[in-house]
Each structure stands twice: as C-alpha cells, then as structure tokens.
PDB file of N, CA and C in Angstrom:
ATOM      1  N   MET A   1       4.466   5.363  -3.348  1.00  0.00           N
ATOM      2  CA  MET A   1       3.096   5.811  -3.555  1.00  0.00           C
ATOM      3  C   MET A   1       2.505   5.428  -2.302  1.00  0.00           C
ATOM      4  N   ALA A   2       2.610   4.688  -1.426  1.00  0.00           N
ATOM      5  CA  ALA A   2       1.967   4.243  -0.326  1.00  0.00           C
ATOM      6  C   ALA A   2       2.262   5.510   0.724  1.00  0.00           C
ATOM      7  N   ARG A   3       3.440   6.199   0.948  1.00  0.00           N
ATOM      8  CA  ARG A   3       3.527   7.182   1.624  1.00  0.00           C
ATOM      9  C   ARG A   3       2.726   8.241   1.321  1.00  0.00           C
ATOM     10  N   MET A   4       2.288   8.546  -0.131  1.00  0.00           N
ATOM     11  CA  MET A   4       1.759   9.643  -0.614  1.00  0.00           C
ATOM     12  C   MET A   4       0.336   9.325  -0.208  1.00  0.00           C
ATOM     13  N   GLU A   5      -0.334   8.111  -0.402  1.00  0.00           N
ATOM     14  CA  GLU A   5      -1.522   8.097  -0.095  1.00  0.00           C
ATOM     15  C   GLU A   5      -1.986   8.113   1.365  1.00  0.00           C
ATOM     16  N   LEU A   6      -1.029   7.724   2.079  1.00  0.00           N
ATOM     17  CA  LEU A   6      -0.722   8.230   3.933  1.00  0.00           C
ATOM     18  C   LEU A   6      -1.115   9.685   4.102  1.00  0.00           C
ATOM     19  N   ARG A   7      -0.309  10.176   3.200  1.00  0.00           N
ATOM     20  CA  ARG A   7      -0.437  11.993   3.480  1.00  0.00           C
ATOM     21  C   ARG A   7      -1.612  12.289   2.950  1.00  0.00           C
ATOM     22  N   TYR A   8      -2.225  11.876   1.925  1.00  0.00           N
ATOM     23  CA  TYR A   8      -3.317  12.434   1.660  1.00  0.00           C
ATOM     24  C   TYR A   8      -4.525  11.833   2.703  1.00  0.00           C
ATOM     25  N   LEU A   9      -4.535  10.729   3.198  1.00  0.00           N
ATOM     26  CA  LEU A   9      -5.690  10.208   4.242  1.00  0.00           C
ATOM     27  C   LEU A   9      -5.415  11.273   5.520  1.00  0.00           C
ATOM     28  N   HIS A  10      -4.166  11.211   5.725  1.00  0.00           N
ATOM     29  CA  HIS A  10      -3.901  12.558   6.832  1.00  0.00           C
ATOM     30  C   HIS A  10      -4.564  13.671   6.734  1.00  0.00           C
ATOM     31  N   GLU A  11      -4.287  14.155   5.861  1.00  0.00           N
ATOM     32  CA  GLU A  11      -4.798  15.670   5.291  1.00  0.00           C
ATOM     33  C   GLU A  11      -6.361  15.503   5.301  1.00  0.00           C
ATOM     34  N   ILE A  12      -7.050  14.512   5.011  1.00  0.00           N
ATOM     35  CA  ILE A  12      -8.390  14.776   4.786  1.00  0.00           C
ATOM     36  C   ILE A  12      -9.168  14.137   6.148  1.00  0.00           C
ATOM     37  N   GLY A  13      -8.284  13.736   7.109  1.00  0.00           N
ATOM     38  CA  GLY A  13      -8.870  13.389   8.210  1.00  0.00           C
ATOM     39  C   GLY A  13      -9.080  11.618   8.379  1.00  0.00           C
ATOM     40  N   ARG A  14      -8.690  10.698   7.391  1.00  0.00           N
ATOM     41  CA  ARG A  14      -9.258   9.519   7.593  1.00  0.00           C
ATOM     42  C   ARG A  14      -8.258   8.873   8.591  1.00  0.00           C
ATOM     43  N   ILE A  15      -6.773   9.287   8.614  1.00  0.00           N
ATOM     44  CA  ILE A  15      -6.147   8.624   9.750  1.00  0.00           C
ATOM     45  C   ILE A  15      -5.435   9.833  10.612  1.00  0.00           C
ATOM     46  N   LYS A  16      -5.218   9.535  11.919  1.00  0.00           N
ATOM     47  CA  LYS A  16      -4.781  10.495  12.669  1.00  0.00           C
ATOM     48  C   LYS A  16      -2.965  10.732  12.927  1.00  0.00           C
ATOM     49  N   VAL A  17      -2.427   9.558  12.434  1.00  0.00           N
ATOM     50  CA  VAL A  17      -1.134   9.736  12.668  1.00  0.00           C
ATOM     51  C   VAL A  17      -0.616  10.334  11.278  1.00  0.00           C
ATOM     52  N   THR A  18       0.785  10.972  11.301  1.00  0.00           N
ATOM     53  CA  THR A  18       1.418  11.143  10.240  1.00  0.00           C
ATOM     54  C   THR A  18       1.811  10.067   9.625  1.00  0.00           C
ATOM     55  N   PRO A  19       2.127  10.182   8.205  1.00  0.00           N
ATOM     56  CA  PRO A  19       2.993   9.427   7.615  1.00  0.00           C
ATOM     57  C   PRO A  19       4.405   9.025   8.171  1.00  0.00           C
ATOM     58  N   GLU A  20       4.989  10.184   8.607  1.00  0.00           N
ATOM     59  CA  GLU A  20       6.373   9.962   9.212  1.00  0.00           C
ATOM     60  C   GLU A  20       5.945   8.853  10.371  1.00  0.00           C
ATOM     61  N   VAL A  21       5.226   9.186  11.089  1.00  0.00           N
ATOM     62  CA  VAL A  21       5.029   8.343  12.365  1.00  0.00           C
ATOM     63  C   VAL A  21       4.474   7.214  12.254  1.00  0.00           C
ATOM     64  N   LEU A  22       3.717   6.705  11.493  1.00  0.00           N
ATOM     65  CA  LEU A  22       3.180   5.679  11.268  1.00  0.00           C
ATOM     66  C   LEU A  22       4.464   4.746  10.364  1.00  0.00           C
ATOM     67  N   LEU A  23       4.955   5.127   9.456  1.00  0.00           N
ATOM     68  CA  LEU A  23       5.956   4.545   8.484  1.00  0.00           C
ATOM     69  C   LEU A  23       7.254   4.129   9.292  1.00  0.00           C
ATOM     70  N   GLY A  24       7.626   5.220  10.291  1.00  0.00           N
ATOM     71  CA  GLY A  24       8.850   5.064  11.183  1.00  0.00           C
ATOM     72  C   GLY A  24       8.390   3.927  12.088  1.00  0.00           C
ATOM     73  N   GLU A  25       7.288   3.503  12.616  1.00  0.00           N
ATOM     74  CA  GLU A  25       6.994   2.484  13.372  1.00  0.00           C
ATOM     75  C   GLU A  25       6.995   1.140  12.710  1.00  0.00           C
ATOM     76  N   LEU A  26       6.610   1.016  11.230  1.00  0.00           N
ATOM     77  CA  LEU A  26       6.502   0.050  10.521  1.00  0.00           C
ATOM     78  C   LEU A  26       8.012  -0.315   9.857  1.00  0.00           C
ATOM     79  N   TYR A  27       8.882   0.402   9.762  1.00  0.00           N
ATOM     80  CA  TYR A  27      10.485   0.393   9.404  1.00  0.00           C
ATOM     81  C   TYR A  27      10.884  -0.286  10.643  1.00  0.00           C
ATOM     82  N   ALA A  28      10.768   0.299  12.004  1.00  0.00           N
ATOM     83  CA  ALA A  28      11.586  -0.243  13.016  1.00  0.00           C
ATOM     84  C   ALA A  28      10.832  -1.691  13.179  1.00  0.00           C
ATOM     85  N   LYS A  29       9.462  -1.758  13.456  1.00  0.00           N
ATOM     86  CA  LYS A  29       8.982  -3.154  13.660  1.00  0.00           C
ATOM     87  C   LYS A  29       8.849  -4.252  12.717  1.00  0.00           C
ATOM     88  N   LEU A  30       8.824  -3.861  11.354  1.00  0.00           N
ATOM     89  CA  LEU A  30       8.980  -4.992  10.322  1.00  0.00           C
ATOM     90  C   LEU A  30       9.934  -4.970   9.407  1.00  0.00           C
ATOM     91  N   GLY A  31      10.985  -4.005   9.692  1.00  0.00           N
ATOM     92  CA  GLY A  31      11.920  -3.862   8.777  1.00  0.00           C
ATOM     93  C   GLY A  31      11.432  -3.538   7.558  1.00  0.00           C
ATOM     94  N   LEU A  32      10.480  -2.746   7.343  1.00  0.00           N
ATOM     95  CA  LEU A  32       9.785  -2.218   6.080  1.00  0.00           C
ATOM     96  C   LEU A  32      11.092  -1.261   5.543  1.00  0.00           C
ATOM     97  N   ALA A  33      10.966  -1.318   4.284  1.00  0.00           N
ATOM     98  CA  ALA A  33      11.928  -0.393   3.398  1.00  0.00           C
ATOM     99  C   ALA A  33      11.023   0.156   2.171  1.00  0.00           C
ATOM    100  N   GLU A  34      11.469   1.288   1.615  1.00  0.00           N
ATOM    101  CA  GLU A  34      11.001   1.592   0.488  1.00  0.00           C
ATOM    102  C   GLU A  34      11.503   1.128  -0.810  1.00  0.00           C
ATOM    103  N   SER A  35      10.827   0.853  -1.686  1.00  0.00           N
ATOM    104  CA  SER A  35      10.932   0.257  -3.015  1.00  0.00           C
ATOM    105  C   SER A  35      11.850   1.217  -4.110  1.00  0.00           C
ATOM    106  N   ASP A  36      12.886   0.744  -4.477  1.00  0.00           N
ATOM    107  CA  ASP A  36      13.824   1.177  -5.368  1.00  0.00           C
ATOM    108  C   ASP A  36      13.459   0.870  -6.926  1.00  0.00           C
ATOM    109  N   LEU A  37      12.282   0.302  -7.268  1.00  0.00           N
ATOM    110  CA  LEU A  37      12.206  -0.231  -8.455  1.00  0.00           C
ATOM    111  C   LEU A  37      11.667   1.139  -9.433  1.00  0.00           C
ATOM    112  N   PRO A  38      12.156   1.059 -10.527  1.00  0.00           N
ATOM    113  CA  PRO A  38      11.740   2.286 -11.828  1.00  0.00           C
ATOM    114  C   PRO A  38      10.099   2.388 -11.712  1.00  0.00           C
ATOM    115  N   CYS A  39       9.975   3.589 -11.575  1.00  0.00           N
ATOM    116  CA  CYS A  39       8.568   4.195 -11.554  1.00  0.00           C
ATOM    117  C   CYS A  39       8.045   3.985 -12.790  1.00  0.00           C
ATOM    118  N   GLY A  40       8.223   3.843 -13.948  1.00  0.00           N
ATOM    119  CA  GLY A  40       8.130   3.506 -15.512  1.00  0.00           C
ATOM    120  C   GLY A  40       7.384   1.951 -15.477  1.00  0.00           C
ATOM    121  N   ARG A  41       8.198   1.168 -14.752  1.00  0.00           N
ATOM    122  CA  ARG A  41       7.971  -0.008 -14.547  1.00  0.00           C
ATOM    123  C   ARG A  41       6.518  -0.382 -13.837  1.00  0.00           C
ATOM    124  N   VAL A  42       6.407   0.260 -12.583  1.00  0.00           N
ATOM    125  CA  VAL A  42       5.111   0.211 -11.927  1.00  0.00           C
ATOM    126  C   VAL A  42       4.288   0.647 -12.467  1.00  0.00           C
ATOM    127  N   VAL A  43       4.167   2.092 -13.278  1.00  0.00           N
ATOM    128  CA  VAL A  43       3.222   2.314 -13.969  1.00  0.00           C
ATOM    129  C   VAL A  43       2.819   1.279 -15.086  1.00  0.00           C
ATOM    130  N   ASP A  44       3.578   0.869 -15.847  1.00  0.00           N
ATOM    131  CA  ASP A  44       3.279   0.156 -16.680  1.00  0.00           C
ATOM    132  C   ASP A  44       2.509  -1.343 -16.142  1.00  0.00           C
ATOM    133  N   MET A  45       2.578  -1.890 -15.105  1.00  0.00           N
ATOM    134  CA  MET A  45       2.122  -2.878 -14.616  1.00  0.00           C
ATOM    135  C   MET A  45       0.399  -2.253 -14.022  1.00  0.00           C
ATOM    136  N   ALA A  46       0.621  -1.017 -13.267  1.00  0.00           N
ATOM    137  CA  ALA A  46      -0.527  -0.374 -12.781  1.00  0.00           C
ATOM    138  C   ALA A  46      -1.506  -0.169 -13.837  1.00  0.00           C
ATOM    139  N   GLU A  47      -1.231   0.261 -15.359  1.00  0.00           N
ATOM    140  CA  GLU A  47      -2.242   0.393 -16.241  1.00  0.00           C
ATOM    141  C   GLU A  47      -2.971  -0.814 -16.782  1.00  0.00           C
ATOM    142  N   ARG A  48      -2.520  -1.946 -16.319  1.00  0.00           N
ATOM    143  CA  ARG A  48      -3.210  -2.880 -16.652  1.00  0.00           C
ATOM    144  C   ARG A  48      -4.373  -3.250 -15.453  1.00  0.00           C
ATOM    145  N   LEU A  49      -4.350  -2.796 -14.386  1.00  0.00           N
ATOM    146  CA  LEU A  49      -4.920  -3.259 -13.259  1.00  0.00           C
ATOM    147  C   LEU A  49      -6.528  -2.329 -13.416  1.00  0.00           C
ATOM    148  N   ASP A  50      -7.616  -3.110 -13.998  1.00  0.00           N
ATOM    149  CA  ASP A  50      -8.504  -2.440 -14.330  1.00  0.00           C
ATOM    150  C   ASP A  50      -9.683  -2.583 -13.266  1.00  0.00           C
ATOM    151  N   TRP A  51      -9.559  -3.355 -12.159  1.00  0.00           N
ATOM    152  CA  TRP A  51     -10.500  -3.409 -11.386  1.00  0.00           C
ATOM    153  C   TRP A  51     -10.574  -2.432 -10.338  1.00  0.00           C
ATOM    154  N   THR A  52      -9.996  -1.383 -10.452  1.00  0.00           N
ATOM    155  CA  THR A  52     -10.110  -0.198  -9.491  1.00  0.00           C
ATOM    156  C   THR A  52      -9.845   1.071 -10.284  1.00  0.00           C
ATOM    157  N   ARG A  53     -10.362   2.119 -10.106  1.00  0.00           N
ATOM    158  CA  ARG A  53     -10.373   3.461 -10.534  1.00  0.00           C
ATOM    159  C   ARG A  53      -9.431   4.234  -9.550  1.00  0.00           C
ATOM    160  N   ASP A  54      -9.137   3.811  -8.564  1.00  0.00           N
ATOM    161  CA  ASP A  54      -8.366   4.424  -7.584  1.00  0.00           C
ATOM    162  C   ASP A  54      -6.700   4.519  -7.899  1.00  0.00           C
ATOM    163  N   PRO A  55      -6.207   5.493  -8.398  1.00  0.00           N
ATOM    164  CA  PRO A  55      -4.902   5.767  -8.951  1.00  0.00           C
ATOM    165  C   PRO A  55      -3.929   5.010  -7.513  1.00  0.00           C
ATOM    166  N   PHE A  56      -3.928   5.521  -6.303  1.00  0.00           N
ATOM    167  CA  PHE A  56      -3.319   5.025  -5.399  1.00  0.00           C
ATOM    168  C   PHE A  56      -3.263   3.556  -5.474  1.00  0.00           C
ATOM    169  N   ASP A  57      -4.325   2.771  -5.332  1.00  0.00           N
ATOM    170  CA  ASP A  57      -4.549   1.465  -5.138  1.00  0.00           C
ATOM    171  C   ASP A  57      -3.654   0.681  -6.354  1.00  0.00           C
ATOM    172  N   ARG A  58      -3.989   1.429  -7.540  1.00  0.00           N
ATOM    173  CA  ARG A  58      -3.399   0.632  -8.664  1.00  0.00           C
ATOM    174  C   ARG A  58      -1.823   0.829  -8.676  1.00  0.00           C
ATOM    175  N   LEU A  59      -1.331   1.855  -8.241  1.00  0.00           N
ATOM    176  CA  LEU A  59      -0.022   2.046  -8.003  1.00  0.00           C
ATOM    177  C   LEU A  59       0.792   1.246  -7.164  1.00  0.00           C
ATOM    178  N   ILE A  60      -0.041   1.067  -5.889  1.00  0.00           N
ATOM    179  CA  ILE A  60       0.666   0.264  -4.576  1.00  0.00           C
ATOM    180  C   ILE A  60       0.550  -1.050  -5.030  1.00  0.00           C
ATOM    181  N   VAL A  61      -0.599  -1.734  -5.408  1.00  0.00           N
ATOM    182  CA  VAL A  61      -0.688  -3.105  -5.758  1.00  0.00           C
ATOM    183  C   VAL A  61       0.295  -3.305  -6.939  1.00  0.00           C
ATOM    184  N   ALA A  62       0.466  -2.543  -7.957  1.00  0.00           N
ATOM    185  CA  ALA A  62       1.499  -2.893  -9.107  1.00  0.00           C
ATOM    186  C   ALA A  62       2.667  -2.859  -8.412  1.00  0.00           C
ATOM    187  N   GLN A  63       3.281  -1.811  -7.382  1.00  0.00           N
ATOM    188  CA  GLN A  63       4.448  -1.896  -6.915  1.00  0.00           C
ATOM    189  C   GLN A  63       4.689  -3.395  -5.964  1.00  0.00           C
ATOM    190  N   ALA A  64       3.861  -3.591  -5.317  1.00  0.00           N
ATOM    191  CA  ALA A  64       3.988  -4.913  -4.818  1.00  0.00           C
ATOM    192  C   ALA A  64       4.094  -6.086  -5.707  1.00  0.00           C
ATOM    193  N   MET A  65       3.193  -6.212  -6.855  1.00  0.00           N
ATOM    194  CA  MET A  65       3.450  -7.119  -7.478  1.00  0.00           C
ATOM    195  C   MET A  65       4.834  -6.986  -8.524  1.00  0.00           C
ATOM    196  N   ALA A  66       5.389  -5.873  -8.789  1.00  0.00           N
ATOM    197  CA  ALA A  66       6.625  -5.917  -9.349  1.00  0.00           C
ATOM    198  C   ALA A  66       7.994  -6.402  -8.515  1.00  0.00           C
ATOM    199  N   ALA A  67       7.565  -6.057  -7.319  1.00  0.00           N
ATOM    200  CA  ALA A  67       8.692  -6.407  -6.416  1.00  0.00           C
ATOM    201  C   ALA A  67       8.381  -7.912  -5.824  1.00  0.00           C
ATOM    202  N   ASP A  68       7.447  -8.321  -6.396  1.00  0.00           N
ATOM    203  CA  ASP A  68       7.123  -9.780  -5.768  1.00  0.00           C
ATOM    204  C   ASP A  68       6.887  -9.924  -4.128  1.00  0.00           C
ATOM    205  N   ALA A  69       6.256  -8.956  -3.960  1.00  0.00           N
ATOM    206  CA  ALA A  69       6.225  -8.372  -2.266  1.00  0.00           C
ATOM    207  C   ALA A  69       4.749  -8.815  -1.800  1.00  0.00           C
ATOM    208  N   ALA A  70       4.390  -8.991  -0.596  1.00  0.00           N
ATOM    209  CA  ALA A  70       3.349  -9.141  -0.048  1.00  0.00           C
ATOM    210  C   ALA A  70       2.657  -7.372   0.263  1.00  0.00           C
ATOM    211  N   LEU A  71       1.548  -7.047   0.163  1.00  0.00           N
ATOM    212  CA  LEU A  71       1.193  -6.103   0.320  1.00  0.00           C
ATOM    213  C   LEU A  71       0.074  -5.993   1.460  1.00  0.00           C
ATOM    214  N   ILE A  72       0.436  -5.228   2.582  1.00  0.00           N
ATOM    215  CA  ILE A  72      -0.426  -5.095   3.992  1.00  0.00           C
ATOM    216  C   ILE A  72      -1.386  -4.358   3.676  1.00  0.00           C
ATOM    217  N   THR A  73      -2.589  -4.440   3.472  1.00  0.00           N
ATOM    218  CA  THR A  73      -3.878  -3.437   3.333  1.00  0.00           C
ATOM    219  C   THR A  73      -4.967  -3.764   4.087  1.00  0.00           C
ATOM    220  N   ALA A  74      -6.132  -3.178   4.784  1.00  0.00           N
ATOM    221  CA  ALA A  74      -7.381  -3.550   5.104  1.00  0.00           C
ATOM    222  C   ALA A  74      -8.388  -3.290   4.207  1.00  0.00           C
ATOM    223  N   ASP A  75      -7.870  -2.735   2.890  1.00  0.00           N
ATOM    224  CA  ASP A  75      -9.016  -2.430   1.773  1.00  0.00           C
ATOM    225  C   ASP A  75      -9.156  -3.918   1.357  1.00  0.00           C
ATOM    226  N   ARG A  76     -10.668  -4.131   1.206  1.00  0.00           N
ATOM    227  CA  ARG A  76     -11.231  -5.339   1.244  1.00  0.00           C
ATOM    228  C   ARG A  76     -11.252  -5.648  -0.398  1.00  0.00           C
ATOM    229  N   LEU A  77     -11.473  -4.737  -1.298  1.00  0.00           N
ATOM    230  CA  LEU A  77     -11.231  -5.139  -2.935  1.00  0.00           C
ATOM    231  C   LEU A  77      -9.755  -5.241  -3.285  1.00  0.00           C
ATOM    232  N   ILE A  78      -9.024  -4.767  -2.588  1.00  0.00           N
ATOM    233  CA  ILE A  78      -7.396  -5.176  -2.983  1.00  0.00           C
ATOM    234  C   ILE A  78      -7.027  -6.689  -2.506  1.00  0.00           C
ATOM    235  N   ARG A  79      -7.833  -6.968  -1.168  1.00  0.00           N
ATOM    236  CA  ARG A  79      -7.524  -8.283  -0.853  1.00  0.00           C
ATOM    237  C   ARG A  79      -8.365  -9.470  -1.595  1.00  0.00           C
ATOM    238  N   GLU A  80      -9.530  -8.983  -2.335  1.00  0.00           N
ATOM    239  CA  GLU A  80      -9.993  -9.951  -3.063  1.00  0.00           C
ATOM    240  C   GLU A  80      -9.362 -10.033  -4.346  1.00  0.00           C
ATOM    241  N   ARG A  81      -8.947  -9.001  -4.939  1.00  0.00           N
ATOM    242  CA  ARG A  81      -8.161  -9.160  -6.282  1.00  0.00           C
ATOM    243  C   ARG A  81      -6.946  -9.075  -6.358  1.00  0.00           C
ATOM    244  N   PHE A  82      -6.011  -9.074  -5.404  1.00  0.00           N
ATOM    245  CA  PHE A  82      -4.573  -9.324  -5.501  1.00  0.00           C
ATOM    246  C   PHE A  82      -4.208 -10.240  -4.225  1.00  0.00           C
ATOM    247  N   PRO A  83      -3.788 -11.490  -4.859  1.00  0.00           N
ATOM    248  CA  PRO A  83      -3.437 -12.455  -4.052  1.00  0.00           C
ATOM    249  C   PRO A  83      -2.275 -12.438  -2.996  1.00  0.00           C
ATOM    250  N   GLY A  84      -1.523 -11.264  -3.231  1.00  0.00           N
ATOM    251  CA  GLY A  84      -0.329 -11.084  -2.128  1.00  0.00           C
ATOM    252  C   GLY A  84      -0.636 -10.054  -1.292  1.00  0.00           C
ATOM    253  N   ALA A  85      -1.895  -9.761  -1.074  1.00  0.00           N
ATOM    254  CA  ALA A  85      -2.494  -8.732  -0.011  1.00  0.00           C
ATOM    255  C   ALA A  85      -2.742  -9.497   1.115  1.00  0.00           C
ATOM    256  N   VAL A  86      -2.427  -8.996   2.227  1.00  0.00           N
ATOM    257  CA  VAL A  86      -2.692  -9.634   3.500  1.00  0.00           C
ATOM    258  C   VAL A  86      -3.246  -8.740   4.660  1.00  0.00           C
ATOM    259  N   TRP A  87      -4.255  -9.128   5.591  1.00  0.00           N
ATOM    260  CA  TRP A  87      -4.494  -8.252   6.535  1.00  0.00           C
ATOM    261  C   TRP A  87      -4.445  -8.906   7.831  1.00  0.00           C
ATOM    262  N   ALA A  88      -4.113  -8.882   9.170  1.00  0.00           N
ATOM    263  CA  ALA A  88      -4.423  -9.362  10.235  1.00  0.00           C
ATOM    264  C   ALA A  88      -5.107  -8.229  11.294  1.00  0.00           C
ATOM    265  N   THR A  89      -6.295  -8.550  12.137  1.00  0.00           N
ATOM    266  CA  THR A  89      -6.741  -8.208  12.905  1.00  0.00           C
ATOM    267  C   THR A  89      -6.392  -8.670  14.294  1.00  0.00           C
ATOM    268  N   ALA A  90      -6.323  -7.665  15.335  1.00  0.00           N
ATOM    269  CA  ALA A  90      -6.176  -8.210  16.764  1.00  0.00           C
ATOM    270  C   ALA A  90      -7.375  -8.805  17.294  1.00  0.00           C
ATOM    271  N   ASP A  91      -7.352  -9.933  17.786  1.00  0.00           N
ATOM    272  CA  ASP A  91      -8.366 -10.436  18.450  1.00  0.00           C
ATOM    273  C   ASP A  91      -8.572 -10.031  19.951  1.00  0.00           C
ATOM    274  N   HIS A  92      -9.486  -9.136  20.400  1.00  0.00           N
ATOM    275  CA  HIS A  92      -9.836  -8.496  21.605  1.00  0.00           C
ATOM    276  C   HIS A  92     -10.824  -8.950  22.649  1.00  0.00           C
ATOM    277  N   SER A  93     -10.977 -10.337  22.209  1.00  0.00           N
ATOM    278  CA  SER A  93     -12.283 -10.932  22.878  1.00  0.00           C
ATOM    279  C   SER A  93     -11.742 -11.534  24.343  1.00  0.00           C
TER     280      SER A  93
END
C-alpha cells in the first residue's frame, strides 16, 4: 500500500522521485522489504482506525501494526496516533 501511495503522490506532483527509485534506495540502504501479510488481515485492522479518513494511511498503519513493525513517516497525525511511527530529520545547521 505504501508503494501505491507513493505512485499517487508522484502522479499528483507531491514527490519528484518515482516509487521505483525511492523504494530501490530504501531496499538497498535499510534492507526494507515488502510485507507478505494477508490483505484481509490488514484490512480488518485498518477498519478499526477511525482517527483518519485517508484510506492509504489506514492501510499503511494497519500493515505496520499487523507486522509489529516501525513505520517511517513524516505525517504528523500518524506519528501522534501510532506509537510505532518514527521520523528523523537531518540537522543542517
């Protein structure tokens, strides 16, 4: 689902890099891998996340929850509502 959201963000011009390039970098640098959890299990969890109306956010958070994994996101709402969400910014000062 994260790959699908990245595709959407690229199509509407919110990110410049294609999902293939971005995910390729993350796979290489972080050892990131796609989940193989059953979609139905993720959707069941996503349906209970009523703090957002965004279907991508619901599914991405549910995927992380089901996998007991951290979720890297710049989204402030997700970081406030999901304890497994992390974000780091570079200090350029």
